[in-house]
Amino acid sequence: MGLGRFLAGTTLGVGVGLVAYLTLTNQDPITWGTHVKQQLTHTAQQLKDVQDAKDNLTQNAAKLSAAVTAAQPVLDDIQTEVDKFAFKAAPRLSAIQEVLDRQNAD
């Protein structure tokens, strides 16, 4: 019996509070109810949009990860070629630097 009375009292209190609010703000209960329904619908749509955006982000992150993984052999090949070029170009660059140093010293 105690829980039933509690729920009835709570419901009655909420009802009286709502009537007092609508009376003090001069609002029509039907208009207020429609407005609350629209707000709930709008909030639900926003939550759905956030969930969709999260799903899209997760999918795109997975695609990016797969692309980076697939590109790793190419990046390794590029780095190897850069290292080879640097090794081959080093003696020539050293010779060029020596000539420049001699010209600057004169």
Protein backbone atom coordinates (compact mmCIF):
# COMPACT_ATOMS: atom_id res chain seq x y z
CA MET A 1 0.00 0.00 0.00
CA GLY A 2 2.87 2.39 0.72
CA LEU A 3 4.26 2.33 -2.81
CA GLY A 4 0.83 2.88 -4.38
CA ARG A 5 0.21 5.91 -2.18
CA PHE A 6 3.66 7.26 -2.99
CA LEU A 7 3.07 6.95 -6.74
CA ALA A 8 -0.39 8.48 -6.46
CA GLY A 9 0.95 11.38 -4.39
CA THR A 10 3.83 11.94 -6.80
CA THR A 11 1.49 11.90 -9.79
CA LEU A 12 -0.90 14.28 -8.08
CA GLY A 13 1.98 16.60 -7.16
CA VAL A 14 3.31 16.63 -10.72
CA GLY A 15 -0.19 17.28 -12.07
CA VAL A 16 -0.81 20.17 -9.67
CA GLY A 17 2.63 21.60 -10.46
CA LEU A 18 1.96 21.40 -14.19
CA VAL A 19 -1.43 23.10 -13.83
CA ALA A 20 0.15 25.85 -11.73
CA TYR A 21 2.94 26.32 -14.30
CA LEU A 22 0.51 26.52 -17.21
CA THR A 23 -1.71 28.95 -15.30
CA LEU A 24 1.15 31.23 -14.28
CA THR A 25 2.65 31.32 -17.79
CA ASN A 26 -0.75 31.67 -19.51
CA GLN A 27 -0.16 28.68 -21.75
CA ASP A 28 -2.70 26.42 -23.38
CA PRO A 29 -2.16 22.79 -22.30
CA ILE A 30 -2.59 21.49 -25.86
CA THR A 31 -0.10 24.01 -27.26
CA TRP A 32 2.32 23.23 -24.44
CA GLY A 33 1.96 19.48 -25.07
CA THR A 34 2.53 19.97 -28.79
CA HIS A 35 5.63 22.05 -28.08
CA VAL A 36 7.02 19.42 -25.70
CA LYS A 37 6.36 16.71 -28.30
CA GLN A 38 8.20 18.75 -30.96
CA GLN A 39 11.14 19.26 -28.62
CA LEU A 40 11.32 15.54 -27.89
CA THR A 41 11.16 14.71 -31.58
CA HIS A 42 13.88 17.25 -32.35
CA THR A 43 16.09 15.92 -29.54
CA ALA A 44 15.59 12.33 -30.73
CA GLN A 45 16.59 13.37 -34.28
CA GLN A 46 19.70 15.10 -32.96
CA LEU A 47 20.66 11.96 -31.03
CA LYS A 48 20.17 9.89 -34.18
CA ASP A 49 22.34 12.34 -36.15
CA VAL A 50 25.10 12.08 -33.54
CA GLN A 51 24.94 8.28 -33.65
CA ASP A 52 25.08 8.32 -37.47
CA ALA A 53 28.07 10.68 -37.39
CA LYS A 54 29.82 8.39 -34.88
CA ASP A 55 29.19 5.37 -37.12
CA ASN A 56 30.52 7.24 -40.16
CA LEU A 57 33.62 8.29 -38.24
CA THR A 58 34.25 4.72 -37.12
CA GLN A 59 33.91 3.43 -40.70
CA ASN A 60 36.18 6.14 -42.11
CA ALA A 61 38.79 5.51 -39.41
CA ALA A 62 38.80 1.81 -40.33
CA LYS A 63 39.20 2.71 -44.03
CA LEU A 64 42.06 5.07 -43.21
CA SER A 65 43.79 2.43 -41.13
CA ALA A 66 43.49 -0.10 -43.97
CA ALA A 67 44.84 2.45 -46.48
CA VAL A 68 47.82 3.28 -44.27
CA THR A 69 48.55 -0.41 -43.79
CA ALA A 70 48.31 -1.01 -47.55
CA ALA A 71 50.58 1.98 -48.28
CA GLN A 72 53.34 0.89 -45.90
CA PRO A 73 55.25 -1.24 -48.47
CA VAL A 74 55.21 1.68 -50.92
CA LEU A 75 56.48 4.05 -48.22
CA ASP A 76 59.24 1.58 -47.37
CA ASP A 77 60.24 1.40 -51.05
CA ILE A 78 60.31 5.19 -51.29
CA GLN A 79 62.49 5.43 -48.19
CA THR A 80 64.88 2.84 -49.65
CA GLU A 81 65.17 4.82 -52.88
CA VAL A 82 65.75 8.06 -50.96
CA ASP A 83 68.52 6.38 -48.96
CA LYS A 84 70.13 5.07 -52.17
CA PHE A 85 69.97 8.53 -53.74
CA ALA A 86 71.46 10.16 -50.66
CA PHE A 87 74.30 7.60 -50.66
CA LYS A 88 75.01 8.16 -54.38
CA ALA A 89 74.70 11.95 -54.15
CA ALA A 90 76.82 12.39 -51.03
CA PRO A 91 80.25 12.30 -52.80
CA ARG A 92 79.06 14.76 -55.45
CA LEU A 93 77.57 17.10 -52.88
CA SER A 94 80.78 16.90 -50.90
CA ALA A 95 82.80 17.85 -53.98
CA ILE A 96 80.46 20.75 -54.74
CA GLN A 97 80.78 21.97 -51.16
CA GLU A 98 84.58 21.85 -51.38
CA VAL A 99 84.52 23.97 -54.56
CA LEU A 100 82.21 26.47 -52.91
CA ASP A 101 84.39 26.62 -49.82
CA ARG A 102 87.48 27.32 -51.96
CA GLN A 103 85.66 30.07 -53.87
CA ASN A 104 84.47 31.67 -50.65
CA ALA A 105 87.95 31.51 -49.17
CA ASP A 106 89.44 33.45 -52.11
